[in-house]
Structure formats: structure tokens, C-alpha cells
Amino acid sequence: MIEKIALITFGVYWVLVEVLKKKGVLERYSITSYGPILMIRTQKGMEALERLSRPKSFWRGFSSVGLVFMLFAMTLMLFLVFLMDYRVITSPPEPSPLTAPRNVLLLPGVNQFIPLWYGLIGLVITLIAHEFSHGVLCRVEGIKVRALGLLVALVPIGGFAEPDEEELNSAEKWKKIRVFTAGIMSNFLVALIFFAIFFSSLSFLAPVSSSEIVVYDAPQDLGIRGNMFLEEINGKRVMNIEELIEVLSEVKGGEEVNVKLVDREGEIEISTLLSSEGAKIMRVWDGTPAEKAGLKDGDVIISMNGERINNFADFYTFMKGSSPGEEVRIKLSDGREVVTVLEKHPKKDIGFLGVSVEMSVGPLKISTFSPSSLLKTLKSLPFSLNSLEGWFTLISLPFLAIGGFTSILTSYFLPSGIFSSHEILFFFILNSSFWIAWINFYAGLFNSLPAVPLDGGHVFKELLSSLFNSLGISNAKDLSSKFSSLITLYIFASFLLAILIPHISQWF
């Protein structure tokens, strides 16, 4: 529904752009349109550009260092593109939010992983840093800047410093390269500054509870708020899944239990009845003993080999004691009884049925999540950047966070120390610094790809032309342009396939 509304809104916007273009309104205000994309130009900021460009040696050194970072990022991103192609071809992923077209672009309000307001703050700072740096280096190298501006396609999608194309194209090779690398270096520098603020702020973050059991759903009449932590059942500690299973194994169906829950606002104790309906199957995996036996999503297991299954804990206890090749009689709540033979578990030396069951305590639906572990992982991330795994984690951090990075922090943590009474300010600093850093970092990486019209594509073409010249190859410039075009086609085709392949099976 949201995508349909967005499509209709974009269509109306495009029609309006065409009407204003026909009537000459856009031209009157120095706005150029390329389909639905608007280039909005302005002369504001030009004086600041001139003042900033005066320490020329500093900016040339800054941009030259940027070339080193760009080449490292280019290599990393090309490796990721190759890896993406390999995985998409050998193990096509199923459709998911990660493969949705809307999440390819870093557009707040469109990309569901990026919060709107924090995303907009990050995007605006990214555009200003990137394009203003291009403009500064143009002036450093004596290249005229015609205008500064913004690219808009209903929402801002980019910014630009519009150089004199003739002067830029005729400039000496290293001058052009410094102009192209300046934007990327600025994005990496901004990312470094705000990542430093973010990781420093984590020292003021404290978990609401050390429990790893989270109640994510409950009947409204129980008065339980969302994202509460389960800490005790009948006065016994249940801070992790092992302790929970041990306690639940002692509780029979229909017995009354006292449950202690904790959240950001304190603790609440309730009394409820433990469900006696058994273990509810949430998913049956393809090609497993469960599927072959005829088990389906939604079935409720009430006994296995004559042993009563009151809850998910009884199910896991039974499976933990099972063996590969063991025959199991399963009785369901609807009266059906099936028999199947367990296979070997993929990771353990126990039996494998091939189902996931609902985790619950009576009417409380639960999941496992450890705020303490997450906080520890985040704090250690800067020290893991000496490995590719660390860089991959940093790149994909917003997509790995459960329920959205921002919501995790605000739901499961509280500020401490000097920020203990300034919660709103603390989370604004923490989250805005993260998104400013991450969007700048990701923009710098993406722009480093050797694909025209990205900055990395222009630098790649210039370096390739220089290499061909040094090897005495004739028509080096023309050959480098053709080779760059092939690399560009490959990269964008790879991204297109990564979007399309997960959905092809659905279309056919």
C-alpha cells in the first residue's frame, strides 16, 4: 500500500515537473530537468568557496591522501560486488527487505532501514561535505565553478558543484584526479569524526536488563508494555534461554505462575496460566522429516513418543535428547498422529525434525536478545577493523540491527553518567552521529566504485589512460574510456541482478 501511494505521488510530481518545464518556469529559476530529476542551481556559497580554497597546499595534500583511501575503497567494493555476484548465482536469496528495490538507495523515507529524520540529517551533511569539497578543489586548481546546487527527484537525492566542463576536461591529469577524490575524502573524514563521537558515546549507554529473554507480544488485558525483559518465573532466575527451559520443564500445563518483567520504566509482576496447548509450529522447513511426515505451519505438538509436550521448552528438551535415525511418534492437538524418522542435526550430534516452534510463556510471546552482548560488540567494533569481517560488519550494521538500529537503542538501553537526566539529548547525539557517520562512510565507499559517473569511475579512467600511455599503447584515452564503460556496465548490471533474481521465481 505504501509503495503504491509513493508511486502515485511520484507520478503526480513528474507530471508537475513537465508542466512547469513547458511553461518556462523552471528555466526562469535556473532549474534544469532530466525527466523527474531537477538540478536546482544557486550562486549562494560561492564567496565561502573562494575563502576556503586559499590554503591550496593543504587542499592538494588532503585530496592526494584521498586517492589512497579511494583506491583501498575501490578494491574493497569491487571485491564485494564479485562476492555478491557469486552468492546471487550459486545461492539465490529469497525475497526480503534486504533485496527490496526501495532499500537499494540511501533515501530516508524510502529505505526502510534508515529512519526519516536522522537519515535526512545524515544525507544533507553528506551532500554538503561531498559537493562543497569538489567545488573547493576546482578553485584550488583554477577551474571555474559555475554554480552550486541540489539534485531533487521529489526528495533530495544528491548535490553538486557545477564546474566549467571545458576547463575540467582540459585540465592536467592530476588536477582532475584531485578534484574527483576530494568529495570522497571529505565523506570519509566526516564519517571518522562522527564515528568517533558515536563510539565514545557508547560508554554512557547501559542495558535496561542483563536478561536475554524479551517479551515482544502479549494480550492487552495483562498490561504488559512492548519490549519487556523476562527475569523470573516463580521466583527463579531465567536470564537466558537455558535457565528458562530448565524452569519451564518443571511447570505443568495449566499451573499458575508468577512472572517478573522489567523494562525502561521499572518492573511489573503478573500472574497467569501457563498454556497447555503444547508447542506451536511456526515453520516447517523444506525437505525435512517434518515436511515428509505431513506437519504444517500452525500445527501444535502435544506429545512425542508418549512424552507430554506442554511448551516449547519440553520440545527442545526432547529434541536435545534425541538421536539421528530415531523414529518419533508425534501427536497433534487436532487429533492427528504422525510418525517420522529424525535426520542428523546440521550442527549438533542430535536428531533433527526440521521445524521452528513458537517461544512463549503462557500467553507471552518471547524471543532472545542480549543488549549486553550487542553493546559489547559495538564497543569492540573499532578494534576489529584490521580484518575484512570488521569492515563488512561496519558496512552492514544498520541491516543487522534487530527492528532498526535506532529502535534497539531507545527500547533496550538507558543513558548513564552525565546523560542520565538528559535522555532525549543523549539519544539525539548518539543516533544522529551514527547516521551522519554511516551515510558519509557508505557514500564514500559507493562513490569509489570504478563506474562512471561516480567519482571512482572518473579516477579509474584517468589512471587507466595514464597506465596505457606509459605502456606505449596507441589510442590510450579511447581504450581506457571503452574499458571503463565495460566495468561500469558490469557493476550496474550486478546491482540490477541482485535486485531482480530473488523475485524472478515469484514472477514465473
Protein backbone atom coordinates (compact mmCIF):
# COMPACT_ATOMS: atom_id res chain seq x y z
CA MET A 1 0.00 0.00 0.00
CA ILE A 2 2.81 2.42 0.95
CA GLU A 3 4.66 1.64 -2.30
CA LYS A 4 1.50 2.34 -4.35
CA ILE A 5 1.00 5.71 -2.62
CA ALA A 6 4.67 6.55 -3.18
CA LEU A 7 4.38 5.61 -6.87
CA ILE A 8 1.27 7.74 -7.37
CA THR A 9 2.87 10.69 -5.54
CA PHE A 10 5.99 10.40 -7.67
CA GLY A 11 3.87 10.26 -10.83
CA VAL A 12 2.00 13.44 -9.88
CA TYR A 13 5.32 15.13 -9.09
CA TRP A 14 6.74 14.14 -12.51
CA VAL A 15 3.69 15.48 -14.33
CA LEU A 16 4.04 18.77 -12.41
CA VAL A 17 7.73 18.99 -13.39
CA GLU A 18 6.85 18.54 -17.08
CA VAL A 19 4.12 21.20 -16.89
CA LEU A 20 6.45 23.73 -15.23
CA LYS A 21 9.16 22.92 -17.78
CA LYS A 22 6.78 23.53 -20.71
CA LYS A 23 5.67 26.87 -19.28
CA GLY A 24 9.30 28.00 -18.83
CA VAL A 25 9.02 28.32 -15.05
CA LEU A 26 11.98 26.01 -14.38
CA GLU A 27 14.26 27.86 -16.80
CA ARG A 28 13.31 31.19 -15.22
CA TYR A 29 14.67 29.98 -11.89
CA SER A 30 17.82 28.32 -13.38
CA ILE A 31 16.44 24.83 -12.84
CA THR A 32 17.20 22.08 -15.37
CA SER A 33 15.14 18.90 -15.55
CA TYR A 34 16.21 15.48 -16.81
CA GLY A 35 12.97 13.55 -16.67
CA PRO A 36 11.89 13.66 -13.00
CA ILE A 37 15.34 14.80 -11.79
CA LEU A 38 15.79 18.51 -11.12
CA MET A 39 19.11 20.37 -10.98
CA ILE A 40 18.46 23.39 -8.78
CA ARG A 41 21.33 25.89 -9.10
CA THR A 42 22.36 28.76 -6.87
CA GLN A 43 25.21 31.29 -6.60
CA LYS A 44 24.93 31.32 -2.81
CA GLY A 45 28.01 29.94 -1.13
CA MET A 46 30.43 30.93 -3.89
CA GLU A 47 32.24 33.50 -1.70
CA ALA A 48 32.68 30.93 1.05
CA LEU A 49 34.05 28.58 -1.58
CA GLU A 50 36.72 31.11 -2.58
CA ARG A 51 37.77 31.75 1.03
CA LEU A 52 38.02 28.07 1.84
CA SER A 53 40.18 27.32 -1.19
CA ARG A 54 43.01 29.71 -0.21
CA PRO A 55 45.27 27.22 1.67
CA LYS A 56 45.97 25.47 -1.65
CA SER A 57 48.83 23.26 -0.43
CA PHE A 58 46.63 21.88 2.34
CA TRP A 59 43.79 21.00 -0.04
CA ARG A 60 46.12 19.40 -2.59
CA GLY A 61 47.64 17.26 0.16
CA PHE A 62 44.17 16.46 1.52
CA SER A 63 42.96 15.30 -1.89
CA SER A 64 46.15 13.35 -2.64
CA VAL A 65 45.66 11.37 0.60
CA GLY A 66 42.07 10.86 -0.56
CA LEU A 67 43.37 8.99 -3.63
CA VAL A 68 44.95 6.36 -1.36
CA PHE A 69 41.67 5.89 0.53
CA MET A 70 39.71 5.81 -2.73
CA LEU A 71 41.89 3.05 -4.18
CA PHE A 72 41.52 0.98 -0.99
CA ALA A 73 37.73 1.52 -1.01
CA MET A 74 37.58 0.76 -4.75
CA THR A 75 39.30 -2.59 -4.19
CA LEU A 76 37.03 -3.43 -1.25
CA MET A 77 33.85 -2.53 -3.13
CA LEU A 78 34.87 -4.47 -6.24
CA PHE A 79 35.52 -7.50 -4.04
CA LEU A 80 32.05 -7.08 -2.51
CA VAL A 81 30.47 -6.86 -5.98
CA PHE A 82 32.25 -10.10 -7.04
CA LEU A 83 31.17 -11.78 -3.80
CA MET A 84 27.58 -10.56 -4.28
CA ASP A 85 27.52 -11.98 -7.84
CA TYR A 86 28.87 -15.33 -6.67
CA ARG A 87 26.28 -15.68 -3.91
CA VAL A 88 23.37 -14.48 -6.05
CA ILE A 89 24.24 -17.01 -8.78
CA THR A 90 25.13 -20.00 -6.56
CA SER A 91 22.60 -19.43 -3.76
CA PRO A 92 19.83 -17.09 -4.97
CA PRO A 93 18.35 -15.35 -1.89
CA GLU A 94 14.63 -15.32 -1.20
CA PRO A 95 12.75 -12.01 -1.44
CA SER A 96 13.32 -10.00 1.73
CA PRO A 97 13.68 -6.36 2.84
CA LEU A 98 17.39 -6.62 2.00
CA THR A 99 16.58 -7.37 -1.66
CA ALA A 100 13.70 -4.88 -2.00
CA PRO A 101 14.33 -2.20 -4.68
CA ARG A 102 13.32 0.56 -2.24
CA ASN A 103 16.25 -0.31 0.02
CA VAL A 104 18.95 -0.04 -2.65
CA LEU A 105 19.09 3.76 -2.45
CA LEU A 106 20.08 5.65 0.71
CA LEU A 107 16.89 7.71 0.68
CA PRO A 108 15.35 8.40 4.11
CA GLY A 109 11.62 7.70 4.00
CA VAL A 110 12.12 5.26 1.10
CA ASN A 111 14.78 2.94 2.53
CA GLN A 112 13.03 1.18 5.41
CA PHE A 113 16.27 0.66 7.34
CA ILE A 114 17.06 4.39 7.54
CA PRO A 115 14.99 6.49 9.99
CA LEU A 116 13.49 9.54 8.27
CA TRP A 117 14.79 12.45 10.37
CA TYR A 118 18.18 11.07 11.34
CA GLY A 119 18.58 9.92 7.74
CA LEU A 120 17.79 13.38 6.38
CA ILE A 121 20.33 14.97 8.73
CA GLY A 122 22.95 12.46 7.58
CA LEU A 123 22.09 12.86 3.89
CA VAL A 124 22.21 16.68 3.94
CA ILE A 125 25.61 16.70 5.70
CA THR A 126 26.89 14.06 3.26
CA LEU A 127 25.85 16.11 0.22
CA ILE A 128 27.29 19.35 1.60
CA ALA A 129 30.62 17.76 2.53
CA HIS A 130 30.98 15.91 -0.77
CA GLU A 131 29.97 18.58 -3.25
CA PHE A 132 31.47 21.55 -1.42
CA SER A 133 34.82 19.72 -1.43
CA HIS A 134 34.59 19.23 -5.19
CA GLY A 135 33.96 22.95 -5.52
CA VAL A 136 36.85 23.89 -3.25
CA LEU A 137 39.32 21.72 -5.20
CA CYS A 138 38.08 23.18 -8.50
CA ARG A 139 39.03 26.64 -7.24
CA VAL A 140 42.33 25.34 -5.84
CA GLU A 141 43.20 24.01 -9.30
CA GLY A 142 41.99 27.17 -11.08
CA ILE A 143 38.85 25.58 -12.53
CA LYS A 144 35.78 27.80 -12.63
CA VAL A 145 32.69 26.75 -10.63
CA ARG A 146 29.54 27.90 -12.42
CA ALA A 147 27.10 27.14 -9.60
CA LEU A 148 26.36 25.08 -6.52
CA GLY A 149 23.14 23.13 -6.36
CA LEU A 150 20.90 20.27 -5.36
CA LEU A 151 19.61 17.23 -7.27
CA VAL A 152 15.95 16.54 -6.48
CA ALA A 153 13.64 13.70 -7.53
CA LEU A 154 10.69 14.54 -5.25
CA VAL A 155 13.20 14.33 -2.38
CA PRO A 156 16.88 15.40 -2.37
CA ILE A 157 18.99 12.62 -3.92
CA GLY A 158 22.29 14.45 -4.33
CA GLY A 159 24.14 17.71 -4.53
CA PHE A 160 26.59 19.16 -6.99
CA ALA A 161 29.21 21.79 -7.58
CA GLU A 162 28.94 22.55 -11.28
CA PRO A 163 32.42 23.13 -12.72
CA ASP A 164 33.16 24.55 -16.13
CA GLU A 165 33.21 21.27 -18.07
CA GLU A 166 35.59 22.57 -20.74
CA GLU A 167 38.12 23.74 -18.14
CA LEU A 168 37.80 20.49 -16.14
CA ASN A 169 38.21 18.24 -19.19
CA SER A 170 41.25 20.16 -20.43
CA ALA A 171 42.91 20.27 -17.00
CA GLU A 172 46.09 18.33 -16.28
CA LYS A 173 45.51 14.71 -15.20
CA TRP A 174 46.46 15.04 -11.51
CA LYS A 175 44.39 18.20 -11.14
CA LYS A 176 41.31 16.31 -12.34
CA ILE A 177 42.05 13.37 -10.06
CA ARG A 178 42.39 15.66 -7.03
CA VAL A 179 39.03 17.26 -7.85
CA PHE A 180 37.34 13.84 -8.06
CA THR A 181 38.92 12.41 -4.90
CA ALA A 182 38.15 15.48 -2.75
CA GLY A 183 34.48 14.61 -2.25
CA ILE A 184 35.18 11.04 -1.22
CA MET A 185 37.95 12.08 1.17
CA SER A 186 35.60 14.60 2.79
CA ASN A 187 32.94 11.93 3.28
CA PHE A 188 35.47 9.59 4.89
CA LEU A 189 36.74 12.39 7.15
CA VAL A 190 33.21 13.34 8.26
CA ALA A 191 32.49 9.64 8.86
CA LEU A 192 35.62 9.30 11.01
CA ILE A 193 34.70 12.33 13.15
CA PHE A 194 31.13 11.25 13.78
CA PHE A 195 32.01 7.57 14.29
CA ALA A 196 34.43 8.79 16.99
CA ILE A 197 31.55 10.69 18.63
CA PHE A 198 29.25 7.67 18.33
CA PHE A 199 31.66 5.08 19.75
CA SER A 200 32.68 7.46 22.54
CA SER A 201 29.01 7.94 23.46
CA LEU A 202 28.54 4.18 23.91
CA SER A 203 30.40 4.40 27.22
CA PHE A 204 27.35 6.28 28.60
CA LEU A 205 24.92 3.56 27.48
CA ALA A 206 23.60 0.98 29.97
CA PRO A 207 21.31 -2.03 29.26
CA VAL A 208 17.86 -1.93 30.86
CA SER A 209 18.40 -5.55 31.95
CA SER A 210 21.03 -8.25 31.67
CA SER A 211 18.29 -10.72 30.73
CA GLU A 212 18.31 -12.21 27.22
CA ILE A 213 14.57 -13.04 27.20
CA VAL A 214 12.37 -10.36 25.61
CA VAL A 215 8.54 -10.35 25.60
CA TYR A 216 7.55 -8.94 22.21
CA ASP A 217 3.79 -9.66 22.31
CA ALA A 218 1.14 -10.20 24.99
CA PRO A 219 -2.65 -9.81 25.44
CA GLN A 220 -3.58 -6.18 26.13
CA ASP A 221 -5.51 -7.01 29.28
CA LEU A 222 -2.29 -8.08 31.03
CA GLY A 223 -0.97 -4.52 30.96
CA ILE A 224 2.40 -5.55 29.59
CA ARG A 225 4.30 -2.99 27.55
CA GLY A 226 6.33 -3.88 24.48
CA ASN A 227 9.98 -4.97 24.68
CA MET A 228 9.93 -6.01 28.34
CA PHE A 229 12.58 -8.37 29.73
CA LEU A 230 11.61 -11.59 31.48
CA GLU A 231 13.81 -12.10 34.58
CA GLU A 232 11.99 -14.54 36.89
CA ILE A 233 9.36 -17.30 36.88
CA ASN A 234 8.03 -18.37 40.27
CA GLY A 235 10.91 -16.55 41.92
CA LYS A 236 13.52 -18.45 39.90
CA ARG A 237 16.02 -16.60 37.70
CA VAL A 238 15.50 -17.00 33.93
CA MET A 239 18.06 -14.61 32.42
CA ASN A 240 18.83 -16.74 29.35
CA ILE A 241 17.24 -19.47 27.25
CA GLU A 242 18.98 -22.31 29.12
CA GLU A 243 17.65 -21.11 32.51
CA LEU A 244 14.19 -20.56 31.01
CA ILE A 245 14.00 -24.09 29.58
CA GLU A 246 15.14 -25.55 32.91
CA VAL A 247 12.44 -23.70 34.87
CA LEU A 248 9.66 -24.37 32.34
CA SER A 249 10.45 -28.09 32.33
CA GLU A 250 9.30 -28.16 35.98
CA VAL A 251 5.99 -26.39 35.24
CA LYS A 252 2.98 -28.41 34.12
CA GLY A 253 0.29 -27.17 31.80
CA GLY A 254 -2.45 -25.16 33.48
CA GLU A 255 -0.39 -24.28 36.54
CA GLU A 256 -0.39 -20.69 37.76
CA VAL A 257 2.99 -18.97 37.57
CA ASN A 258 4.32 -15.64 38.82
CA VAL A 259 6.31 -13.79 36.20
CA LYS A 260 8.66 -10.85 36.82
CA LEU A 261 9.24 -8.48 33.90
CA VAL A 262 11.44 -5.39 33.63
CA ASP A 263 11.53 -2.52 31.16
CA ARG A 264 12.72 1.09 30.95
CA GLU A 265 10.00 2.21 33.36
CA GLY A 266 10.67 -0.33 36.10
CA GLU A 267 9.32 -3.78 36.90
CA ILE A 268 5.85 -5.35 36.93
CA GLU A 269 4.69 -8.67 38.36
CA ILE A 270 1.71 -10.56 36.97
CA SER A 271 0.06 -13.92 37.49
CA THR A 272 -1.03 -16.01 34.52
CA LEU A 273 -1.72 -19.58 33.45
CA LEU A 274 0.88 -21.49 31.50
CA SER A 275 -0.60 -22.66 28.22
CA SER A 276 -1.23 -26.39 28.00
CA GLU A 277 -1.66 -26.41 24.19
CA GLY A 278 1.82 -27.71 23.53
CA ALA A 279 4.48 -26.44 21.14
CA LYS A 280 3.13 -24.49 18.15
CA ILE A 281 4.99 -24.98 14.87
CA MET A 282 5.87 -21.63 13.29
CA ARG A 283 7.64 -23.04 10.22
CA VAL A 284 8.26 -26.39 8.57
CA TRP A 285 11.49 -26.46 6.57
CA ASP A 286 11.51 -27.91 3.05
CA GLY A 287 12.84 -31.41 2.53
CA THR A 288 12.97 -32.26 6.25
CA PRO A 289 11.47 -35.18 8.19
CA ALA A 290 8.72 -32.84 9.42
CA GLU A 291 7.63 -31.98 5.86
CA LYS A 292 7.78 -35.63 4.77
CA ALA A 293 5.57 -36.58 7.74
CA GLY A 294 2.93 -34.02 6.72
CA LEU A 295 3.46 -31.47 9.50
CA LYS A 296 2.33 -27.94 8.61
CA ASP A 297 2.83 -24.39 9.85
CA GLY A 298 0.42 -23.78 12.75
CA ASP A 299 0.25 -27.40 13.93
CA VAL A 300 0.54 -27.82 17.71
CA ILE A 301 2.59 -30.72 19.07
CA ILE A 302 1.19 -32.11 22.36
CA SER A 303 3.27 -35.29 22.73
CA MET A 304 6.34 -37.01 21.27
CA ASN A 305 6.84 -40.75 21.81
CA GLY A 306 4.26 -40.57 24.58
CA GLU A 307 6.03 -37.74 26.43
CA ARG A 308 3.80 -34.75 27.18
CA ILE A 309 4.87 -31.55 25.39
CA ASN A 310 3.45 -28.62 27.37
CA ASN A 311 5.50 -25.88 25.78
CA PHE A 312 8.49 -25.09 23.57
CA ALA A 313 10.86 -25.95 26.45
CA ASP A 314 9.57 -29.54 26.54
CA PHE A 315 10.01 -29.75 22.75
CA TYR A 316 13.63 -28.54 22.89
CA THR A 317 14.40 -30.86 25.83
CA PHE A 318 13.04 -33.84 23.88
CA MET A 319 14.97 -32.91 20.72
CA LYS A 320 18.18 -32.37 22.71
CA GLY A 321 17.97 -35.97 23.92
CA SER A 322 17.09 -37.43 20.52
CA SER A 323 19.40 -39.22 18.06
CA PRO A 324 19.74 -39.28 14.26
CA GLY A 325 17.73 -42.18 12.81
CA GLU A 326 15.38 -42.30 15.81
CA GLU A 327 11.70 -42.97 15.00
CA VAL A 328 9.36 -40.46 16.60
CA ARG A 329 5.56 -40.61 17.04
CA ILE A 330 4.13 -37.10 17.14
CA LYS A 331 0.62 -36.36 18.39
CA LEU A 332 -1.01 -33.08 17.42
CA SER A 333 -3.73 -31.03 19.11
CA ASP A 334 -6.18 -31.69 16.24
CA GLY A 335 -6.04 -35.46 16.95
CA ARG A 336 -3.66 -36.39 14.15
CA GLU A 337 -0.70 -38.64 14.84
CA VAL A 338 2.31 -38.89 12.54
CA VAL A 339 5.46 -40.98 12.57
CA THR A 340 8.81 -39.83 11.16
CA VAL A 341 12.50 -40.68 11.36
CA LEU A 342 14.85 -37.94 12.55
CA GLU A 343 17.85 -36.88 10.50
CA LYS A 344 21.19 -35.65 11.83
CA HIS A 345 21.19 -32.05 13.03
CA PRO A 346 23.32 -29.85 10.70
CA LYS A 347 25.42 -28.50 13.60
CA LYS A 348 24.99 -30.94 16.50
CA ASP A 349 25.13 -34.68 17.08
CA ILE A 350 21.40 -34.92 17.86
CA GLY A 351 18.20 -35.63 15.95
CA PHE A 352 16.72 -33.10 13.53
CA LEU A 353 12.99 -32.75 12.84
CA GLY A 354 13.03 -29.60 10.70
CA VAL A 355 10.63 -27.22 12.43
CA SER A 356 10.84 -23.96 14.37
CA VAL A 357 8.38 -23.64 17.23
CA GLU A 358 6.88 -20.58 18.87
CA MET A 359 8.69 -19.48 22.01
CA SER A 360 6.18 -18.45 24.67
CA VAL A 361 5.43 -18.44 28.37
CA GLY A 362 1.68 -18.87 28.59
CA PRO A 363 0.18 -16.02 26.54
CA LEU A 364 3.51 -14.14 26.45
CA LYS A 365 5.37 -14.49 23.17
CA ILE A 366 9.11 -14.22 23.67
CA SER A 367 12.36 -14.04 21.74
CA THR A 368 16.01 -13.99 22.70
CA PHE A 369 18.13 -10.85 22.51
CA SER A 370 21.09 -9.72 24.61
CA PRO A 371 21.55 -5.94 24.97
CA SER A 372 24.78 -6.54 26.88
CA SER A 373 26.22 -8.61 24.02
CA LEU A 374 25.16 -6.02 21.45
CA LEU A 375 26.78 -3.23 23.44
CA LYS A 376 29.96 -5.26 23.85
CA THR A 377 30.04 -5.98 20.10
CA LEU A 378 29.54 -2.32 19.22
CA LYS A 379 32.27 -1.17 21.59
CA SER A 380 34.72 -3.70 20.14
CA LEU A 381 33.91 -2.89 16.50
CA PRO A 382 36.60 -0.17 16.04
CA PHE A 383 39.22 -2.69 17.19
CA SER A 384 38.09 -5.27 14.60
CA LEU A 385 38.74 -3.07 11.56
CA ASN A 386 42.07 -4.82 10.98
CA SER A 387 40.03 -7.61 9.34
CA LEU A 388 37.63 -7.79 6.39
CA GLU A 389 34.95 -9.15 8.72
CA GLY A 390 35.13 -5.97 10.80
CA TRP A 391 34.70 -3.79 7.71
CA PHE A 392 31.77 -5.92 6.48
CA THR A 393 30.11 -5.56 9.89
CA LEU A 394 30.53 -1.78 9.83
CA ILE A 395 29.13 -1.52 6.29
CA SER A 396 26.09 -3.68 7.06
CA LEU A 397 25.46 -2.56 10.67
CA PRO A 398 22.04 -0.90 10.09
CA PHE A 399 20.80 -4.03 8.29
CA LEU A 400 21.98 -6.36 11.07
CA ALA A 401 20.27 -4.50 13.92
CA ILE A 402 17.01 -6.11 15.04
CA GLY A 403 13.98 -3.88 14.45
CA GLY A 404 16.12 -0.97 13.28
CA PHE A 405 19.26 0.34 14.93
CA THR A 406 17.56 3.38 16.46
CA SER A 407 14.65 1.45 17.97
CA ILE A 408 17.00 -1.06 19.62
CA LEU A 409 18.91 1.68 21.39
CA THR A 410 15.84 3.51 22.61
CA SER A 411 13.97 0.36 23.67
CA TYR A 412 16.64 -1.65 25.41
CA PHE A 413 19.09 0.90 26.79
CA LEU A 414 19.22 3.91 29.11
CA PRO A 415 21.79 6.73 29.28
CA SER A 416 24.01 6.85 32.36
CA GLY A 417 26.51 9.19 33.98
CA ILE A 418 26.26 12.86 32.94
CA PHE A 419 23.48 11.98 30.47
CA SER A 420 21.27 10.11 32.95
CA SER A 421 18.87 13.06 33.23
CA HIS A 422 19.23 14.16 29.59
CA GLU A 423 17.86 11.14 27.76
CA ILE A 424 16.43 12.98 24.73
CA LEU A 425 19.66 14.89 24.12
CA PHE A 426 21.78 11.78 24.57
CA PHE A 427 19.86 9.65 22.07
CA PHE A 428 19.81 12.55 19.60
CA ILE A 429 23.61 12.80 19.79
CA LEU A 430 24.06 9.02 19.65
CA ASN A 431 21.72 8.33 16.75
CA SER A 432 22.43 11.42 14.66
CA SER A 433 26.19 10.84 14.96
CA PHE A 434 25.74 7.22 13.87
CA TRP A 435 23.66 8.04 10.80
CA ILE A 436 25.82 11.02 9.78
CA ALA A 437 28.88 8.77 10.05
CA TRP A 438 27.39 5.72 8.35
CA ILE A 439 25.78 7.56 5.41
CA ASN A 440 29.01 9.50 4.77
CA PHE A 441 31.00 6.27 5.03
CA TYR A 442 28.68 4.37 2.70
CA ALA A 443 28.52 7.28 0.22
CA GLY A 444 32.32 7.41 0.16
CA LEU A 445 32.54 3.67 -0.47
CA PHE A 446 29.87 3.66 -3.17
CA ASN A 447 31.37 6.67 -4.96
CA SER A 448 34.72 4.85 -5.01
CA LEU A 449 33.37 2.19 -7.37
CA PRO A 450 35.11 2.40 -10.80
CA ALA A 451 31.84 3.18 -12.56
CA VAL A 452 31.16 6.41 -14.42
CA PRO A 453 29.54 8.83 -13.46
CA LEU A 454 30.76 8.04 -9.93
CA ASP A 455 33.96 9.79 -8.82
CA GLY A 456 35.77 6.46 -8.69
CA GLY A 457 34.83 5.85 -12.32
CA HIS A 458 36.43 9.13 -13.45
CA VAL A 459 39.60 8.48 -11.43
CA PHE A 460 39.79 4.89 -12.69
CA LYS A 461 39.53 6.10 -16.30
CA GLU A 462 42.26 8.72 -15.79
CA LEU A 463 44.63 6.25 -14.11
CA LEU A 464 43.94 3.62 -16.75
CA SER A 465 44.66 6.11 -19.53
CA SER A 466 47.94 7.04 -17.81
CA LEU A 467 48.89 3.37 -17.49
CA PHE A 468 48.17 2.66 -21.17
CA ASN A 469 50.22 5.72 -22.15
CA SER A 470 53.19 4.54 -20.07
CA LEU A 471 52.99 1.16 -21.83
CA GLY A 472 53.14 2.91 -25.21
CA ILE A 473 49.64 1.80 -26.24
CA SER A 474 48.16 3.92 -29.01
CA ASN A 475 44.72 5.50 -28.50
CA ALA A 476 45.18 5.11 -24.74
CA LYS A 477 42.43 7.60 -23.91
CA ASP A 478 39.88 5.96 -26.21
CA LEU A 479 40.79 2.48 -24.98
CA SER A 480 40.54 3.48 -21.31
CA SER A 481 37.09 5.00 -21.96
CA LYS A 482 35.86 1.76 -23.55
CA PHE A 483 37.30 -0.38 -20.75
CA SER A 484 35.77 1.92 -18.12
CA SER A 485 32.40 1.65 -19.87
CA LEU A 486 32.58 -2.16 -19.68
CA ILE A 487 33.41 -2.06 -15.96
CA THR A 488 30.55 0.41 -15.40
CA LEU A 489 28.12 -1.85 -17.27
CA TYR A 490 29.24 -4.86 -15.23
CA ILE A 491 28.86 -3.09 -11.87
CA PHE A 492 25.39 -1.69 -12.51
CA ALA A 493 24.25 -4.98 -14.09
CA SER A 494 25.41 -6.74 -10.91
CA PHE A 495 23.29 -4.46 -8.72
CA LEU A 496 20.31 -4.93 -11.05
CA LEU A 497 20.61 -8.73 -10.94
CA ALA A 498 20.93 -8.68 -7.15
CA ILE A 499 17.55 -6.92 -7.06
CA LEU A 500 15.80 -8.98 -9.75
CA ILE A 501 16.96 -12.57 -9.12
CA PRO A 502 15.25 -13.00 -5.68
CA HIS A 503 11.92 -12.02 -7.29
CA ILE A 504 12.17 -13.94 -10.59
CA SER A 505 10.75 -17.19 -9.14
CA GLN A 506 7.70 -15.28 -7.88
CA TRP A 507 7.04 -13.76 -11.30
CA PHE A 508 7.08 -17.16 -13.01
